[in-house]
């Protein structure tokens, strides 16, 4: 997992919405979590799941 530090403090609504949109970009399975403190967005977290196709256990 990687963390990118971005300063959201003092950003306008459009900038925050742009960051949320970027977190959603290309997400097929997972979640985007937005953390708010004192009415301010302080963190946007993206959790992505990768679905793997199980290989057949048959050796025939």
N, C-alpha and C. Protein backbone atom coordinates (compact mmCIF):
# COMPACT_ATOMS: atom_id res chain seq x y z
N UNK A 1 0.85 -1.17 0.00
CA UNK A 1 0.00 0.00 0.00
C UNK A 1 0.90 1.23 0.00
N UNK A 2 0.53 2.23 -0.76
CA UNK A 2 1.28 3.48 -0.80
C UNK A 2 0.43 4.63 -0.34
N UNK A 3 1.08 5.59 0.27
CA UNK A 3 0.39 6.80 0.71
C UNK A 3 1.02 8.00 0.03
N UNK A 4 0.19 8.86 -0.49
CA UNK A 4 0.64 10.10 -1.09
C UNK A 4 0.13 11.24 -0.23
N UNK A 5 1.04 12.08 0.23
CA UNK A 5 0.63 13.19 1.07
C UNK A 5 0.28 14.37 0.19
N UNK A 6 -0.95 14.84 0.33
CA UNK A 6 -1.41 16.02 -0.39
C UNK A 6 -2.05 16.95 0.61
N UNK A 7 -1.80 18.21 0.50
CA UNK A 7 -2.35 19.18 1.43
C UNK A 7 -3.74 19.59 0.94
N UNK A 8 -4.79 19.11 1.64
CA UNK A 8 -6.16 19.45 1.28
C UNK A 8 -6.65 20.68 2.04
N UNK A 9 -5.89 21.09 3.06
CA UNK A 9 -6.30 22.23 3.88
C UNK A 9 -6.37 23.49 3.04
N UNK A 10 -7.46 24.20 3.15
CA UNK A 10 -7.62 25.45 2.42
C UNK A 10 -8.02 25.28 0.96
N UNK A 11 -8.19 24.03 0.51
CA UNK A 11 -8.59 23.81 -0.88
C UNK A 11 -10.07 24.08 -1.04
N UNK A 12 -10.43 24.54 -2.20
CA UNK A 12 -11.84 24.79 -2.47
C UNK A 12 -12.55 23.49 -2.81
N UNK A 13 -13.86 23.55 -2.87
CA UNK A 13 -14.69 22.38 -3.11
C UNK A 13 -14.35 21.71 -4.44
N UNK A 14 -14.07 22.48 -5.46
CA UNK A 14 -13.77 21.91 -6.78
C UNK A 14 -12.49 21.07 -6.72
N UNK A 15 -11.47 21.54 -6.01
CA UNK A 15 -10.22 20.79 -5.89
C UNK A 15 -10.43 19.48 -5.15
N UNK A 16 -11.22 19.52 -4.10
CA UNK A 16 -11.48 18.30 -3.33
C UNK A 16 -12.28 17.31 -4.17
N UNK A 17 -13.27 17.79 -4.89
CA UNK A 17 -14.05 16.91 -5.77
C UNK A 17 -13.17 16.31 -6.87
N UNK A 18 -12.21 17.06 -7.35
CA UNK A 18 -11.27 16.56 -8.36
C UNK A 18 -10.42 15.42 -7.78
N UNK A 19 -10.00 15.57 -6.51
CA UNK A 19 -9.22 14.52 -5.85
C UNK A 19 -10.06 13.26 -5.66
N UNK A 20 -11.32 13.42 -5.31
CA UNK A 20 -12.23 12.27 -5.15
C UNK A 20 -12.43 11.59 -6.49
N UNK A 21 -12.62 12.38 -7.54
CA UNK A 21 -12.79 11.81 -8.88
C UNK A 21 -11.54 11.04 -9.30
N UNK A 22 -10.37 11.56 -8.99
CA UNK A 22 -9.12 10.87 -9.32
C UNK A 22 -9.01 9.55 -8.57
N UNK A 23 -9.48 9.51 -7.32
CA UNK A 23 -9.46 8.28 -6.54
C UNK A 23 -10.40 7.23 -7.12
N UNK A 24 -11.50 7.67 -7.72
CA UNK A 24 -12.47 6.76 -8.32
C UNK A 24 -12.06 6.29 -9.71
N UNK A 25 -11.18 7.02 -10.35
CA UNK A 25 -10.77 6.73 -11.73
C UNK A 25 -10.22 5.30 -11.85
N UNK A 26 -10.83 4.50 -12.68
CA UNK A 26 -10.37 3.15 -12.96
C UNK A 26 -10.65 2.12 -11.87
N UNK A 27 -11.35 2.51 -10.83
CA UNK A 27 -11.64 1.59 -9.72
C UNK A 27 -12.78 0.65 -10.14
N UNK A 28 -12.50 -0.66 -10.14
CA UNK A 28 -13.52 -1.63 -10.51
C UNK A 28 -14.11 -2.30 -9.28
N UNK A 29 -13.27 -2.68 -8.33
CA UNK A 29 -13.70 -3.31 -7.09
C UNK A 29 -12.96 -2.62 -5.96
N UNK A 30 -13.68 -2.09 -4.98
CA UNK A 30 -13.01 -1.47 -3.86
C UNK A 30 -13.86 -0.38 -3.25
N UNK A 31 -13.18 0.58 -2.60
CA UNK A 31 -13.89 1.65 -1.91
C UNK A 31 -13.04 2.91 -1.87
N UNK A 32 -13.71 4.04 -1.81
CA UNK A 32 -13.06 5.33 -1.57
C UNK A 32 -13.65 5.86 -0.28
N UNK A 33 -12.79 6.11 0.70
CA UNK A 33 -13.22 6.59 2.01
C UNK A 33 -12.76 8.03 2.19
N UNK A 34 -13.69 8.90 2.58
CA UNK A 34 -13.40 10.31 2.79
C UNK A 34 -13.52 10.59 4.28
N UNK A 35 -12.43 11.09 4.88
CA UNK A 35 -12.41 11.41 6.30
C UNK A 35 -12.55 12.91 6.49
N UNK A 36 -13.48 13.29 7.36
CA UNK A 36 -13.77 14.70 7.62
C UNK A 36 -13.55 14.99 9.10
N UNK A 37 -12.85 16.08 9.40
CA UNK A 37 -12.65 16.56 10.78
C UNK A 37 -13.05 18.02 10.82
N UNK A 38 -13.91 18.36 11.76
CA UNK A 38 -14.36 19.76 11.93
C UNK A 38 -14.88 20.36 10.62
N UNK A 39 -15.61 19.56 9.86
CA UNK A 39 -16.20 20.05 8.62
C UNK A 39 -15.24 20.18 7.45
N UNK A 40 -14.01 19.70 7.60
CA UNK A 40 -13.01 19.79 6.54
C UNK A 40 -12.59 18.39 6.11
N UNK A 41 -12.46 18.17 4.81
CA UNK A 41 -11.93 16.91 4.29
C UNK A 41 -10.44 16.88 4.62
N UNK A 42 -10.03 15.86 5.36
CA UNK A 42 -8.62 15.76 5.75
C UNK A 42 -7.92 14.57 5.12
N UNK A 43 -8.70 13.62 4.59
CA UNK A 43 -8.07 12.43 4.02
C UNK A 43 -9.01 11.77 3.02
N UNK A 44 -8.43 11.30 1.93
CA UNK A 44 -9.15 10.51 0.93
C UNK A 44 -8.36 9.22 0.76
N UNK A 45 -9.00 8.09 1.04
CA UNK A 45 -8.31 6.80 0.99
C UNK A 45 -8.96 5.92 -0.07
N UNK A 46 -8.13 5.32 -0.90
CA UNK A 46 -8.61 4.41 -1.95
C UNK A 46 -8.16 3.00 -1.60
N UNK A 47 -9.12 2.09 -1.55
CA UNK A 47 -8.84 0.68 -1.30
C UNK A 47 -9.30 -0.08 -2.54
N UNK A 48 -8.37 -0.76 -3.17
CA UNK A 48 -8.69 -1.47 -4.41
C UNK A 48 -8.49 -2.96 -4.22
N UNK A 49 -9.44 -3.72 -4.73
CA UNK A 49 -9.35 -5.17 -4.68
C UNK A 49 -9.11 -5.69 -6.08
N UNK A 50 -8.26 -6.69 -6.18
CA UNK A 50 -8.00 -7.33 -7.46
C UNK A 50 -8.55 -8.74 -7.40
N UNK A 51 -9.42 -9.07 -8.31
CA UNK A 51 -10.01 -10.40 -8.36
C UNK A 51 -9.16 -11.27 -9.27
N UNK A 52 -8.72 -12.40 -8.75
CA UNK A 52 -7.91 -13.34 -9.51
C UNK A 52 -8.75 -14.54 -9.87
N UNK A 53 -8.56 -15.04 -11.08
CA UNK A 53 -9.26 -16.25 -11.51
C UNK A 53 -8.50 -17.44 -10.95
N UNK A 54 -9.16 -18.32 -10.19
CA UNK A 54 -8.47 -19.49 -9.66
C UNK A 54 -8.08 -20.44 -10.79
N UNK A 55 -6.87 -20.94 -10.71
CA UNK A 55 -6.42 -21.90 -11.72
C UNK A 55 -6.98 -23.27 -11.40
N UNK A 56 -7.23 -24.02 -12.44
CA UNK A 56 -7.77 -25.37 -12.25
C UNK A 56 -6.75 -26.25 -11.53
N UNK A 57 -7.21 -27.03 -10.58
CA UNK A 57 -6.30 -27.93 -9.84
C UNK A 57 -6.15 -29.28 -10.53
N UNK A 58 -6.81 -29.45 -11.66
CA UNK A 58 -6.74 -30.70 -12.41
C UNK A 58 -5.50 -30.67 -13.30
N UNK A 59 -4.73 -31.76 -13.30
CA UNK A 59 -3.53 -31.85 -14.12
C UNK A 59 -3.73 -32.83 -15.28
N UNK A 60 -4.91 -32.84 -15.86
CA UNK A 60 -5.18 -33.79 -16.94
C UNK A 60 -5.09 -33.12 -18.26
